[in-house]
All heavy atoms as atom14 arrays in JSON, in Angstrom:
{
  "sequence": "VLSPKKSIEGAVGGIVGTFLLTALYSGVFRGQMGITGAQVWSLSAIS",
  "atom14_mask": [
    [1, 1, 1, 1, 1, 1, 1, 0, 0, 0, 0, 0, 0, 0],
    [1, 1, 1, 1, 1, 1, 1, 1, 0, 0, 0, 0, 0, 0],
    [1, 1, 1, 1, 1, 1, 0, 0, 0, 0, 0, 0, 0, 0],
    [1, 1, 1, 1, 1, 1, 1, 0, 0, 0, 0, 0, 0, 0],
    [1, 1, 1, 1, 1, 1, 1, 1, 1, 0, 0, 0, 0, 0],
    [1, 1, 1, 1, 1, 1, 1, 1, 1, 0, 0, 0, 0, 0],
    [1, 1, 1, 1, 1, 1, 0, 0, 0, 0, 0, 0, 0, 0],
    [1, 1, 1, 1, 1, 1, 1, 1, 0, 0, 0, 0, 0, 0],
    [1, 1, 1, 1, 1, 1, 1, 1, 1, 0, 0, 0, 0, 0],
    [1, 1, 1, 1, 0, 0, 0, 0, 0, 0, 0, 0, 0, 0],
    [1, 1, 1, 1, 1, 0, 0, 0, 0, 0, 0, 0, 0, 0],
    [1, 1, 1, 1, 1, 1, 1, 0, 0, 0, 0, 0, 0, 0],
    [1, 1, 1, 1, 0, 0, 0, 0, 0, 0, 0, 0, 0, 0],
    [1, 1, 1, 1, 0, 0, 0, 0, 0, 0, 0, 0, 0, 0],
    [1, 1, 1, 1, 1, 1, 1, 1, 0, 0, 0, 0, 0, 0],
    [1, 1, 1, 1, 1, 1, 1, 0, 0, 0, 0, 0, 0, 0],
    [1, 1, 1, 1, 0, 0, 0, 0, 0, 0, 0, 0, 0, 0],
    [1, 1, 1, 1, 1, 1, 1, 0, 0, 0, 0, 0, 0, 0],
    [1, 1, 1, 1, 1, 1, 1, 1, 1, 1, 1, 0, 0, 0],
    [1, 1, 1, 1, 1, 1, 1, 1, 0, 0, 0, 0, 0, 0],
    [1, 1, 1, 1, 1, 1, 1, 1, 0, 0, 0, 0, 0, 0],
    [1, 1, 1, 1, 1, 1, 1, 0, 0, 0, 0, 0, 0, 0],
    [1, 1, 1, 1, 1, 0, 0, 0, 0, 0, 0, 0, 0, 0],
    [1, 1, 1, 1, 1, 1, 1, 1, 0, 0, 0, 0, 0, 0],
    [1, 1, 1, 1, 1, 1, 1, 1, 1, 1, 1, 1, 0, 0],
    [1, 1, 1, 1, 1, 1, 0, 0, 0, 0, 0, 0, 0, 0],
    [1, 1, 1, 1, 0, 0, 0, 0, 0, 0, 0, 0, 0, 0],
    [1, 1, 1, 1, 1, 1, 1, 0, 0, 0, 0, 0, 0, 0],
    [1, 1, 1, 1, 1, 1, 1, 1, 1, 1, 1, 0, 0, 0],
    [1, 1, 1, 1, 1, 1, 1, 1, 1, 1, 1, 0, 0, 0],
    [1, 1, 1, 1, 0, 0, 0, 0, 0, 0, 0, 0, 0, 0],
    [1, 1, 1, 1, 1, 1, 1, 1, 1, 0, 0, 0, 0, 0],
    [1, 1, 1, 1, 1, 1, 1, 1, 0, 0, 0, 0, 0, 0],
    [1, 1, 1, 1, 0, 0, 0, 0, 0, 0, 0, 0, 0, 0],
    [1, 1, 1, 1, 1, 1, 1, 1, 0, 0, 0, 0, 0, 0],
    [1, 1, 1, 1, 1, 1, 1, 0, 0, 0, 0, 0, 0, 0],
    [1, 1, 1, 1, 0, 0, 0, 0, 0, 0, 0, 0, 0, 0],
    [1, 1, 1, 1, 1, 0, 0, 0, 0, 0, 0, 0, 0, 0],
    [1, 1, 1, 1, 1, 1, 1, 1, 1, 0, 0, 0, 0, 0],
    [1, 1, 1, 1, 1, 1, 1, 0, 0, 0, 0, 0, 0, 0],
    [1, 1, 1, 1, 1, 1, 1, 1, 1, 1, 1, 1, 1, 1],
    [1, 1, 1, 1, 1, 1, 0, 0, 0, 0, 0, 0, 0, 0],
    [1, 1, 1, 1, 1, 1, 1, 1, 0, 0, 0, 0, 0, 0],
    [1, 1, 1, 1, 1, 1, 0, 0, 0, 0, 0, 0, 0, 0],
    [1, 1, 1, 1, 1, 0, 0, 0, 0, 0, 0, 0, 0, 0],
    [1, 1, 1, 1, 1, 1, 1, 1, 0, 0, 0, 0, 0, 0],
    [1, 1, 1, 1, 1, 1, 0, 0, 0, 0, 0, 0, 0, 0]
  ],
  "atom14_positions": [
    [[73.32, 221.37, 46.31], [73.49, 220.0, 46.68], [73.79, 219.12, 45.5], [74.69, 218.24, 45.58], [72.14, 219.45, 47.36], [72.19, 217.97, 47.65], [71.85, 220.24, 48.66], [0.0, 0.0, 0.0], [0.0, 0.0, 0.0], [0.0, 0.0, 0.0], [0.0, 0.0, 0.0], [0.0, 0.0, 0.0], [0.0, 0.0, 0.0], [0.0, 0.0, 0.0]],
    [[73.16, 219.33, 44.45], [73.31, 218.53, 43.21], [74.69, 218.84, 42.42], [75.34, 217.91, 42.07], [72.07, 218.69, 42.27], [72.09, 217.8, 41.02], [72.15, 216.35, 41.43], [70.81, 218.16, 40.28], [0.0, 0.0, 0.0], [0.0, 0.0, 0.0], [0.0, 0.0, 0.0], [0.0, 0.0, 0.0], [0.0, 0.0, 0.0], [0.0, 0.0, 0.0]],
    [[74.9, 220.11, 42.28], [76.11, 220.52, 41.49], [76.65, 221.77, 42.12], [76.4, 222.9, 41.66], [75.76, 220.66, 40.04], [76.87, 220.69, 39.31], [0.0, 0.0, 0.0], [0.0, 0.0, 0.0], [0.0, 0.0, 0.0], [0.0, 0.0, 0.0], [0.0, 0.0, 0.0], [0.0, 0.0, 0.0], [0.0, 0.0, 0.0], [0.0, 0.0, 0.0]],
    [[77.41, 221.64, 43.22], [77.81, 222.83, 43.99], [78.64, 223.89, 43.22], [78.66, 225.0, 43.7], [78.64, 222.29, 45.1], [78.9, 220.83, 44.8], [77.96, 220.42, 43.68], [0.0, 0.0, 0.0], [0.0, 0.0, 0.0], [0.0, 0.0, 0.0], [0.0, 0.0, 0.0], [0.0, 0.0, 0.0], [0.0, 0.0, 0.0], [0.0, 0.0, 0.0]],
    [[79.27, 223.56, 42.13], [80.06, 224.61, 41.46], [79.29, 225.39, 40.42], [79.77, 226.43, 39.9], [81.23, 223.93, 40.72], [82.23, 223.37, 41.67], [83.48, 222.78, 40.97], [84.48, 222.2, 41.95], [85.57, 221.62, 41.28], [0.0, 0.0, 0.0], [0.0, 0.0, 0.0], [0.0, 0.0, 0.0], [0.0, 0.0, 0.0], [0.0, 0.0, 0.0]],
    [[78.01, 225.0, 40.13], [77.22, 225.74, 39.12], [76.54, 226.92, 39.8], [76.05, 226.81, 40.91], [76.17, 224.82, 38.53], [76.82, 223.76, 37.59], [75.81, 222.98, 36.9], [76.27, 221.93, 35.97], [77.64, 221.66, 35.84], [0.0, 0.0, 0.0], [0.0, 0.0, 0.0], [0.0, 0.0, 0.0], [0.0, 0.0, 0.0], [0.0, 0.0, 0.0]],
    [[76.58, 228.08, 39.03], [76.01, 229.27, 39.65], [74.92, 229.82, 38.68], [74.85, 229.48, 37.48], [77.1, 230.37, 39.78], [77.6, 230.73, 38.52], [0.0, 0.0, 0.0], [0.0, 0.0, 0.0], [0.0, 0.0, 0.0], [0.0, 0.0, 0.0], [0.0, 0.0, 0.0], [0.0, 0.0, 0.0], [0.0, 0.0, 0.0], [0.0, 0.0, 0.0]],
    [[74.07, 230.65, 39.23], [73.07, 231.3, 38.45], [73.66, 232.22, 37.36], [73.26, 232.23, 36.21], [72.05, 232.1, 39.31], [71.32, 231.05, 40.21], [71.11, 233.0, 38.61], [70.46, 231.69, 41.35], [0.0, 0.0, 0.0], [0.0, 0.0, 0.0], [0.0, 0.0, 0.0], [0.0, 0.0, 0.0], [0.0, 0.0, 0.0], [0.0, 0.0, 0.0]],
    [[74.69, 232.91, 37.75], [75.38, 233.79, 36.84], [75.97, 233.0, 35.64], [75.93, 233.39, 34.54], [76.5, 234.55, 37.53], [76.04, 235.52, 38.56], [75.78, 234.95, 39.97], [75.92, 233.73, 40.12], [75.34, 235.64, 40.84], [0.0, 0.0, 0.0], [0.0, 0.0, 0.0], [0.0, 0.0, 0.0], [0.0, 0.0, 0.0], [0.0, 0.0, 0.0]],
    [[76.52, 231.85, 36.01], [77.1, 230.93, 34.91], [75.98, 230.46, 33.99], [76.14, 230.43, 32.79], [0.0, 0.0, 0.0], [0.0, 0.0, 0.0], [0.0, 0.0, 0.0], [0.0, 0.0, 0.0], [0.0, 0.0, 0.0], [0.0, 0.0, 0.0], [0.0, 0.0, 0.0], [0.0, 0.0, 0.0], [0.0, 0.0, 0.0], [0.0, 0.0, 0.0]],
    [[74.8, 230.14, 34.54], [73.63, 229.64, 33.76], [73.26, 230.79, 32.82], [72.96, 230.49, 31.65], [72.48, 229.31, 34.67], [0.0, 0.0, 0.0], [0.0, 0.0, 0.0], [0.0, 0.0, 0.0], [0.0, 0.0, 0.0], [0.0, 0.0, 0.0], [0.0, 0.0, 0.0], [0.0, 0.0, 0.0], [0.0, 0.0, 0.0], [0.0, 0.0, 0.0]],
    [[73.13, 232.0, 33.34], [72.75, 233.14, 32.44], [73.78, 233.33, 31.34], [73.47, 233.59, 30.2], [72.55, 234.43, 33.24], [72.37, 235.66, 32.41], [71.27, 234.25, 34.23], [0.0, 0.0, 0.0], [0.0, 0.0, 0.0], [0.0, 0.0, 0.0], [0.0, 0.0, 0.0], [0.0, 0.0, 0.0], [0.0, 0.0, 0.0], [0.0, 0.0, 0.0]],
    [[75.07, 233.3, 31.74], [76.14, 233.41, 30.76], [76.09, 232.3, 29.73], [76.41, 232.57, 28.58], [0.0, 0.0, 0.0], [0.0, 0.0, 0.0], [0.0, 0.0, 0.0], [0.0, 0.0, 0.0], [0.0, 0.0, 0.0], [0.0, 0.0, 0.0], [0.0, 0.0, 0.0], [0.0, 0.0, 0.0], [0.0, 0.0, 0.0], [0.0, 0.0, 0.0]],
    [[75.7, 231.1, 30.15], [75.63, 230.0, 29.18], [74.5, 230.26, 28.15], [74.69, 230.01, 26.94], [0.0, 0.0, 0.0], [0.0, 0.0, 0.0], [0.0, 0.0, 0.0], [0.0, 0.0, 0.0], [0.0, 0.0, 0.0], [0.0, 0.0, 0.0], [0.0, 0.0, 0.0], [0.0, 0.0, 0.0], [0.0, 0.0, 0.0], [0.0, 0.0, 0.0]],
    [[73.34, 230.72, 28.6], [72.22, 231.04, 27.74], [72.58, 232.22, 26.78], [72.39, 232.02, 25.57], [70.96, 231.35, 28.49], [70.59, 230.11, 29.46], [69.78, 231.75, 27.63], [70.34, 228.86, 28.72], [0.0, 0.0, 0.0], [0.0, 0.0, 0.0], [0.0, 0.0, 0.0], [0.0, 0.0, 0.0], [0.0, 0.0, 0.0], [0.0, 0.0, 0.0]],
    [[73.11, 233.23, 27.27], [73.46, 234.42, 26.48], [74.58, 233.95, 25.49], [74.53, 234.33, 24.31], [73.94, 235.63, 27.36], [74.52, 236.68, 26.48], [72.74, 236.08, 28.16], [0.0, 0.0, 0.0], [0.0, 0.0, 0.0], [0.0, 0.0, 0.0], [0.0, 0.0, 0.0], [0.0, 0.0, 0.0], [0.0, 0.0, 0.0], [0.0, 0.0, 0.0]],
    [[75.55, 233.23, 26.06], [76.65, 232.73, 25.12], [76.12, 231.9, 23.98], [76.57, 231.98, 22.81], [0.0, 0.0, 0.0], [0.0, 0.0, 0.0], [0.0, 0.0, 0.0], [0.0, 0.0, 0.0], [0.0, 0.0, 0.0], [0.0, 0.0, 0.0], [0.0, 0.0, 0.0], [0.0, 0.0, 0.0], [0.0, 0.0, 0.0], [0.0, 0.0, 0.0]],
    [[75.17, 231.0, 24.29], [74.61, 230.14, 23.26], [73.88, 230.95, 22.22], [74.0, 230.73, 21.03], [73.61, 229.14, 23.93], [74.44, 228.37, 24.84], [73.03, 228.22, 22.88], [0.0, 0.0, 0.0], [0.0, 0.0, 0.0], [0.0, 0.0, 0.0], [0.0, 0.0, 0.0], [0.0, 0.0, 0.0], [0.0, 0.0, 0.0], [0.0, 0.0, 0.0]],
    [[73.15, 231.98, 22.69], [72.42, 232.86, 21.77], [73.39, 233.58, 20.85], [73.25, 233.56, 19.62], [71.61, 233.91, 22.58], [70.82, 234.85, 21.72], [69.55, 234.56, 21.34], [71.4, 236.04, 21.28], [68.82, 235.41, 20.57], [70.68, 236.92, 20.5], [69.37, 236.61, 20.14], [0.0, 0.0, 0.0], [0.0, 0.0, 0.0], [0.0, 0.0, 0.0]],
    [[74.44, 234.07, 21.4], [75.46, 234.87, 20.64], [76.2, 233.95, 19.67], [76.47, 234.33, 18.51], [76.4, 235.64, 21.51], [75.76, 236.71, 22.33], [76.76, 237.36, 23.36], [75.16, 237.79, 21.44], [0.0, 0.0, 0.0], [0.0, 0.0, 0.0], [0.0, 0.0, 0.0], [0.0, 0.0, 0.0], [0.0, 0.0, 0.0], [0.0, 0.0, 0.0]],
    [[76.58, 232.77, 20.13], [77.33, 231.82, 19.27], [76.47, 231.38, 18.03], [77.0, 231.25, 16.97], [77.76, 230.59, 20.06], [78.92, 230.74, 21.03], [79.05, 229.44, 21.96], [80.25, 230.97, 20.3], [0.0, 0.0, 0.0], [0.0, 0.0, 0.0], [0.0, 0.0, 0.0], [0.0, 0.0, 0.0], [0.0, 0.0, 0.0], [0.0, 0.0, 0.0]],
    [[75.18, 231.12, 18.36], [74.31, 230.75, 17.23], [74.07, 231.93, 16.32], [74.02, 231.69, 15.08], [72.96, 230.23, 17.76], [73.24, 229.13, 18.64], [72.03, 229.82, 16.67], [0.0, 0.0, 0.0], [0.0, 0.0, 0.0], [0.0, 0.0, 0.0], [0.0, 0.0, 0.0], [0.0, 0.0, 0.0], [0.0, 0.0, 0.0], [0.0, 0.0, 0.0]],
    [[73.97, 233.18, 16.79], [73.84, 234.32, 15.91], [75.1, 234.42, 15.03], [75.02, 234.67, 13.78], [73.65, 235.56, 16.76], [0.0, 0.0, 0.0], [0.0, 0.0, 0.0], [0.0, 0.0, 0.0], [0.0, 0.0, 0.0], [0.0, 0.0, 0.0], [0.0, 0.0, 0.0], [0.0, 0.0, 0.0], [0.0, 0.0, 0.0], [0.0, 0.0, 0.0]],
    [[76.31, 234.19, 15.55], [77.52, 234.27, 14.78], [77.51, 233.12, 13.78], [77.79, 233.33, 12.59], [78.67, 234.14, 15.71], [80.12, 234.11, 15.07], [80.3, 235.45, 14.32], [81.14, 233.86, 16.1], [0.0, 0.0, 0.0], [0.0, 0.0, 0.0], [0.0, 0.0, 0.0], [0.0, 0.0, 0.0], [0.0, 0.0, 0.0], [0.0, 0.0, 0.0]],
    [[77.24, 231.91, 14.27], [77.21, 230.72, 13.33], [76.19, 230.89, 12.15], [76.47, 230.67, 11.0], [76.91, 229.49, 14.15], [76.65, 228.24, 13.36], [77.67, 227.52, 12.83], [75.38, 227.79, 13.05], [77.45, 226.3, 12.03], [75.08, 226.65, 12.27], [76.18, 225.95, 11.79], [75.93, 224.82, 11.03], [0.0, 0.0, 0.0], [0.0, 0.0, 0.0]],
    [[74.98, 231.3, 12.62], [73.93, 231.45, 11.56], [74.24, 232.63, 10.59], [73.9, 232.52, 9.39], [72.58, 231.74, 12.21], [72.22, 230.62, 13.05], [0.0, 0.0, 0.0], [0.0, 0.0, 0.0], [0.0, 0.0, 0.0], [0.0, 0.0, 0.0], [0.0, 0.0, 0.0], [0.0, 0.0, 0.0], [0.0, 0.0, 0.0], [0.0, 0.0, 0.0]],
    [[74.88, 233.68, 11.08], [75.24, 234.8, 10.27], [76.33, 234.4, 9.28], [76.26, 234.79, 8.08], [0.0, 0.0, 0.0], [0.0, 0.0, 0.0], [0.0, 0.0, 0.0], [0.0, 0.0, 0.0], [0.0, 0.0, 0.0], [0.0, 0.0, 0.0], [0.0, 0.0, 0.0], [0.0, 0.0, 0.0], [0.0, 0.0, 0.0], [0.0, 0.0, 0.0]],
    [[77.33, 233.62, 9.69], [78.31, 233.18, 8.81], [77.81, 232.27, 7.71], [78.18, 232.36, 6.55], [79.49, 232.45, 9.6], [80.42, 231.76, 8.62], [80.25, 233.47, 10.47], [0.0, 0.0, 0.0], [0.0, 0.0, 0.0], [0.0, 0.0, 0.0], [0.0, 0.0, 0.0], [0.0, 0.0, 0.0], [0.0, 0.0, 0.0], [0.0, 0.0, 0.0]],
    [[76.92, 231.39, 8.02], [76.38, 230.43, 7.07], [74.99, 230.78, 6.58], [74.31, 229.91, 5.99], [76.32, 228.98, 7.76], [77.7, 228.44, 7.95], [78.19, 228.44, 9.27], [78.53, 227.96, 6.94], [79.5, 227.86, 9.47], [79.76, 227.49, 7.19], [80.3, 227.39, 8.47], [0.0, 0.0, 0.0], [0.0, 0.0, 0.0], [0.0, 0.0, 0.0]],
    [[74.66, 232.02, 6.72], [73.33, 232.45, 6.27], [73.03, 232.22, 4.78], [72.04, 231.74, 4.42], [73.2, 233.97, 6.65], [71.81, 234.53, 6.29], [71.77, 236.0, 6.77], [70.71, 236.64, 6.06], [70.51, 237.91, 6.09], [71.36, 238.69, 6.63], [69.47, 238.46, 5.39], [0.0, 0.0, 0.0], [0.0, 0.0, 0.0], [0.0, 0.0, 0.0]],
    [[74.0, 232.53, 4.04], [73.86, 232.34, 2.56], [73.76, 230.87, 2.23], [72.85, 230.46, 1.41], [0.0, 0.0, 0.0], [0.0, 0.0, 0.0], [0.0, 0.0, 0.0], [0.0, 0.0, 0.0], [0.0, 0.0, 0.0], [0.0, 0.0, 0.0], [0.0, 0.0, 0.0], [0.0, 0.0, 0.0], [0.0, 0.0, 0.0], [0.0, 0.0, 0.0]],
    [[74.56, 229.98, 2.77], [74.49, 228.56, 2.47], [73.19, 227.96, 3.05], [72.63, 227.07, 2.41], [75.65, 227.78, 3.08], [77.0, 228.12, 2.49], [77.71, 229.26, 3.17], [77.14, 230.12, 3.72], [79.04, 229.19, 3.2], [0.0, 0.0, 0.0], [0.0, 0.0, 0.0], [0.0, 0.0, 0.0], [0.0, 0.0, 0.0], [0.0, 0.0, 0.0]],
    [[72.73, 228.46, 4.12], [71.45, 227.96, 4.69], [70.26, 228.5, 3.96], [69.16, 227.94, 4.08], [71.37, 228.29, 6.2], [72.44, 227.59, 7.01], [72.46, 228.2, 8.75], [70.96, 227.42, 9.39], [0.0, 0.0, 0.0], [0.0, 0.0, 0.0], [0.0, 0.0, 0.0], [0.0, 0.0, 0.0], [0.0, 0.0, 0.0], [0.0, 0.0, 0.0]],
    [[70.46, 229.62, 3.3], [69.25, 230.26, 2.67], [68.24, 230.77, 3.62], [67.05, 230.63, 3.46], [0.0, 0.0, 0.0], [0.0, 0.0, 0.0], [0.0, 0.0, 0.0], [0.0, 0.0, 0.0], [0.0, 0.0, 0.0], [0.0, 0.0, 0.0], [0.0, 0.0, 0.0], [0.0, 0.0, 0.0], [0.0, 0.0, 0.0], [0.0, 0.0, 0.0]],
    [[68.76, 231.5, 4.68], [67.82, 232.02, 5.68], [67.86, 233.58, 5.69], [68.83, 234.15, 5.28], [68.13, 231.44, 7.09], [69.53, 231.78, 7.54], [67.88, 229.93, 7.14], [69.88, 231.42, 8.94], [0.0, 0.0, 0.0], [0.0, 0.0, 0.0], [0.0, 0.0, 0.0], [0.0, 0.0, 0.0], [0.0, 0.0, 0.0], [0.0, 0.0, 0.0]],
    [[66.79, 234.13, 6.22], [66.67, 235.58, 6.32], [67.34, 236.07, 7.6], [67.66, 235.24, 8.55], [65.25, 236.0, 6.33], [64.59, 235.53, 7.54], [64.48, 235.5, 5.1], [0.0, 0.0, 0.0], [0.0, 0.0, 0.0], [0.0, 0.0, 0.0], [0.0, 0.0, 0.0], [0.0, 0.0, 0.0], [0.0, 0.0, 0.0], [0.0, 0.0, 0.0]],
    [[67.51, 237.35, 7.78], [68.01, 237.88, 8.99], [67.13, 237.57, 10.23], [67.61, 237.3, 11.34], [0.0, 0.0, 0.0], [0.0, 0.0, 0.0], [0.0, 0.0, 0.0], [0.0, 0.0, 0.0], [0.0, 0.0, 0.0], [0.0, 0.0, 0.0], [0.0, 0.0, 0.0], [0.0, 0.0, 0.0], [0.0, 0.0, 0.0], [0.0, 0.0, 0.0]],
    [[65.86, 237.62, 9.99], [64.88, 237.23, 11.07], [65.03, 235.81, 11.48], [64.94, 235.44, 12.68], [63.4, 237.53, 10.59], [0.0, 0.0, 0.0], [0.0, 0.0, 0.0], [0.0, 0.0, 0.0], [0.0, 0.0, 0.0], [0.0, 0.0, 0.0], [0.0, 0.0, 0.0], [0.0, 0.0, 0.0], [0.0, 0.0, 0.0], [0.0, 0.0, 0.0]],
    [[65.33, 234.93, 10.52], [65.53, 233.47, 10.84], [66.85, 233.3, 11.63], [66.93, 232.35, 12.42], [65.46, 232.62, 9.58], [64.08, 232.47, 9.03], [64.04, 231.78, 7.72], [64.88, 232.07, 6.83], [63.17, 230.85, 7.59], [0.0, 0.0, 0.0], [0.0, 0.0, 0.0], [0.0, 0.0, 0.0], [0.0, 0.0, 0.0], [0.0, 0.0, 0.0]],
    [[67.86, 234.13, 11.43], [69.06, 234.07, 12.24], [68.73, 234.3, 13.64], [69.18, 233.52, 14.56], [70.13, 235.16, 11.68], [71.25, 235.29, 12.72], [70.7, 234.74, 10.35], [0.0, 0.0, 0.0], [0.0, 0.0, 0.0], [0.0, 0.0, 0.0], [0.0, 0.0, 0.0], [0.0, 0.0, 0.0], [0.0, 0.0, 0.0], [0.0, 0.0, 0.0]],
    [[67.86, 235.28, 13.97], [67.51, 235.58, 15.3], [66.57, 234.55, 15.87], [66.63, 234.22, 17.05], [66.88, 236.99, 15.41], [67.88, 238.04, 14.98], [67.74, 238.9, 13.94], [69.12, 238.27, 15.64], [68.86, 239.7, 13.85], [69.73, 239.37, 14.89], [69.82, 237.77, 16.72], [70.97, 239.86, 15.13], [71.03, 238.32, 17.02], [71.57, 239.34, 16.26]],
    [[65.77, 233.92, 15.03], [64.93, 232.86, 15.47], [65.74, 231.65, 15.84], [65.5, 230.97, 16.93], [63.96, 232.38, 14.36], [62.98, 233.4, 14.12], [0.0, 0.0, 0.0], [0.0, 0.0, 0.0], [0.0, 0.0, 0.0], [0.0, 0.0, 0.0], [0.0, 0.0, 0.0], [0.0, 0.0, 0.0], [0.0, 0.0, 0.0], [0.0, 0.0, 0.0]],
    [[66.71, 231.26, 15.01], [67.65, 230.24, 15.39], [68.39, 230.47, 16.68], [68.59, 229.58, 17.49], [68.58, 229.92, 14.23], [68.05, 229.17, 13.06], [69.08, 229.1, 11.92], [67.64, 227.71, 13.49], [0.0, 0.0, 0.0], [0.0, 0.0, 0.0], [0.0, 0.0, 0.0], [0.0, 0.0, 0.0], [0.0, 0.0, 0.0], [0.0, 0.0, 0.0]],
    [[68.77, 231.73, 16.85], [69.48, 232.11, 18.11], [68.56, 231.91, 19.3], [69.07, 231.47, 20.37], [70.0, 233.54, 18.03], [70.87, 233.68, 16.85], [0.0, 0.0, 0.0], [0.0, 0.0, 0.0], [0.0, 0.0, 0.0], [0.0, 0.0, 0.0], [0.0, 0.0, 0.0], [0.0, 0.0, 0.0], [0.0, 0.0, 0.0], [0.0, 0.0, 0.0]],
    [[67.33, 232.32, 19.15], [66.35, 232.12, 20.28], [66.13, 230.66, 20.53], [66.1, 230.25, 21.73], [65.04, 232.85, 19.95], [0.0, 0.0, 0.0], [0.0, 0.0, 0.0], [0.0, 0.0, 0.0], [0.0, 0.0, 0.0], [0.0, 0.0, 0.0], [0.0, 0.0, 0.0], [0.0, 0.0, 0.0], [0.0, 0.0, 0.0], [0.0, 0.0, 0.0]],
    [[65.98, 229.9, 19.5], [65.84, 228.41, 19.6], [67.03, 227.86, 20.37], [66.91, 226.94, 21.23], [65.6, 227.73, 18.22], [64.19, 228.14, 17.72], [65.89, 226.3, 18.31], [64.0, 227.76, 16.23], [0.0, 0.0, 0.0], [0.0, 0.0, 0.0], [0.0, 0.0, 0.0], [0.0, 0.0, 0.0], [0.0, 0.0, 0.0], [0.0, 0.0, 0.0]],
    [[68.21, 228.28, 20.03], [69.45, 227.76, 20.65], [69.52, 228.16, 22.1], [69.98, 227.41, 22.99], [70.66, 228.26, 19.95], [70.8, 227.61, 18.75], [0.0, 0.0, 0.0], [0.0, 0.0, 0.0], [0.0, 0.0, 0.0], [0.0, 0.0, 0.0], [0.0, 0.0, 0.0], [0.0, 0.0, 0.0], [0.0, 0.0, 0.0], [0.0, 0.0, 0.0]]
  ]
}
């Protein structure tokens, strides 16, 4: 009723995509950010 074109599959894809995009972003800038590998995954979960 509220947003007829949005799907559950799309929502899951958005969450997974956000996790992966943040992992990529954090991995690329890990040195500049001064974060550990565990913090890359933490940022991905936060995202």
